[in-house]
Amino acid sequence: MNPRTVILAFLAGRSPAAYSEEAIKTRVTASGLLDATPTSVNSELSYLASDRMGKLVAVDVNPASMEAVWYATPEGVSRWVRDGRLHVG
């Protein structure tokens, strides 16, 4: 399965929770749903966050720890629902 589909399903299925890039990579890889492990989860997340993809995910940075956390936007959750609510464990 396409990494973007699995990443969006992981985040949207847990909305409004937010996760670090490393946590996302670990969970989507462990899901067994990927055709191949993505070379860069950050680039996949950035693409999902782009205007071209409709800003399906977004990122916030914790000012104290400077940790970036990603989450599904309302648009991303809507897309996930329309796509059939794939569950990523």
Protein backbone atom coordinates (compact mmCIF):
# COMPACT_ATOMS: atom_id res chain seq x y z
CA MET A 1 0.00 0.00 0.00
CA ASN A 2 1.13 3.57 -0.64
CA PRO A 3 2.93 5.11 2.40
CA ARG A 4 0.83 8.29 2.22
CA THR A 5 -2.39 6.29 2.50
CA VAL A 6 -1.10 4.39 5.53
CA ILE A 7 0.29 7.52 7.22
CA LEU A 8 -2.98 9.39 6.75
CA ALA A 9 -4.97 6.41 8.03
CA PHE A 10 -2.74 6.20 11.11
CA LEU A 11 -3.13 9.90 11.94
CA ALA A 12 -6.79 10.31 10.97
CA GLY A 13 -7.83 7.21 12.87
CA ARG A 14 -6.39 8.74 16.04
CA SER A 15 -7.45 12.35 15.48
CA PRO A 16 -6.98 14.75 17.23
CA ALA A 17 -3.86 13.07 18.68
CA ALA A 18 -0.47 14.15 17.35
CA TYR A 19 2.66 12.04 16.88
CA SER A 20 6.35 12.54 16.27
CA GLU A 21 7.80 11.55 12.92
CA GLU A 22 9.65 8.63 14.53
CA ALA A 23 6.47 7.31 16.18
CA ILE A 24 4.62 7.52 12.86
CA LYS A 25 7.40 5.67 11.04
CA THR A 26 7.48 2.95 13.69
CA ARG A 27 3.72 2.39 13.69
CA VAL A 28 3.13 2.45 9.93
CA THR A 29 6.11 0.15 9.33
CA ALA A 30 4.89 -2.28 11.99
CA SER A 31 1.40 -2.30 10.47
CA GLY A 32 2.52 -4.57 7.64
CA LEU A 33 0.42 -2.56 5.18
CA LEU A 34 3.27 -0.88 3.29
CA ASP A 35 4.51 -2.18 -0.04
CA ALA A 36 7.95 -0.87 0.99
CA THR A 37 9.30 1.15 3.91
CA PRO A 38 9.34 4.82 2.92
CA THR A 39 12.82 6.29 2.59
CA SER A 40 11.68 9.51 4.23
CA VAL A 41 8.58 9.74 6.37
CA ASN A 42 9.23 13.48 6.61
CA SER A 43 8.92 13.91 2.85
CA GLU A 44 5.68 11.87 2.83
CA LEU A 45 4.28 13.99 5.68
CA SER A 46 5.37 17.20 3.96
CA TYR A 47 3.64 16.11 0.76
CA LEU A 48 0.44 15.30 2.67
CA ALA A 49 0.66 18.77 4.23
CA SER A 50 1.09 20.52 0.89
CA ASP A 51 -1.50 22.63 -0.89
CA ARG A 52 -1.35 20.13 -3.75
CA MET A 53 -2.66 17.36 -1.48
CA GLY A 54 -5.21 19.62 0.22
CA LYS A 55 -3.36 19.99 3.55
CA LEU A 56 -4.43 16.59 4.85
CA VAL A 57 -1.97 16.76 7.76
CA ALA A 58 -0.30 19.55 9.70
CA VAL A 59 2.58 19.94 12.12
CA ASP A 60 2.98 21.84 15.38
CA VAL A 61 6.19 22.43 17.29
CA ASN A 62 6.24 22.28 21.08
CA PRO A 63 8.00 25.52 22.08
CA ALA A 64 9.51 23.98 25.21
CA SER A 65 10.91 20.75 23.76
CA MET A 66 11.11 21.88 20.11
CA GLU A 67 9.61 18.52 19.15
CA ALA A 68 7.52 18.51 15.97
CA VAL A 69 4.26 16.58 16.13
CA TRP A 70 2.05 15.73 13.17
CA TYR A 71 -1.72 15.30 13.11
CA ALA A 72 -4.57 14.87 10.63
CA THR A 73 -6.46 18.03 9.72
CA PRO A 74 -10.26 18.05 9.35
CA GLU A 75 -9.66 17.69 5.60
CA GLY A 76 -7.47 14.66 6.26
CA VAL A 77 -10.06 13.04 8.49
CA SER A 78 -12.74 13.65 5.85
CA ARG A 79 -10.54 12.09 3.17
CA TRP A 80 -9.87 9.07 5.41
CA VAL A 81 -13.62 8.61 5.97
CA ARG A 82 -14.32 8.84 2.22
CA ASP A 83 -11.54 6.34 1.52
CA GLY A 84 -13.11 3.71 3.79
CA ARG A 85 -11.53 4.28 7.24
CA LEU A 86 -8.53 2.01 6.91
CA HIS A 87 -7.35 1.06 10.40
CA VAL A 88 -3.64 1.09 11.19
CA GLY A 89 -2.91 -0.71 14.45
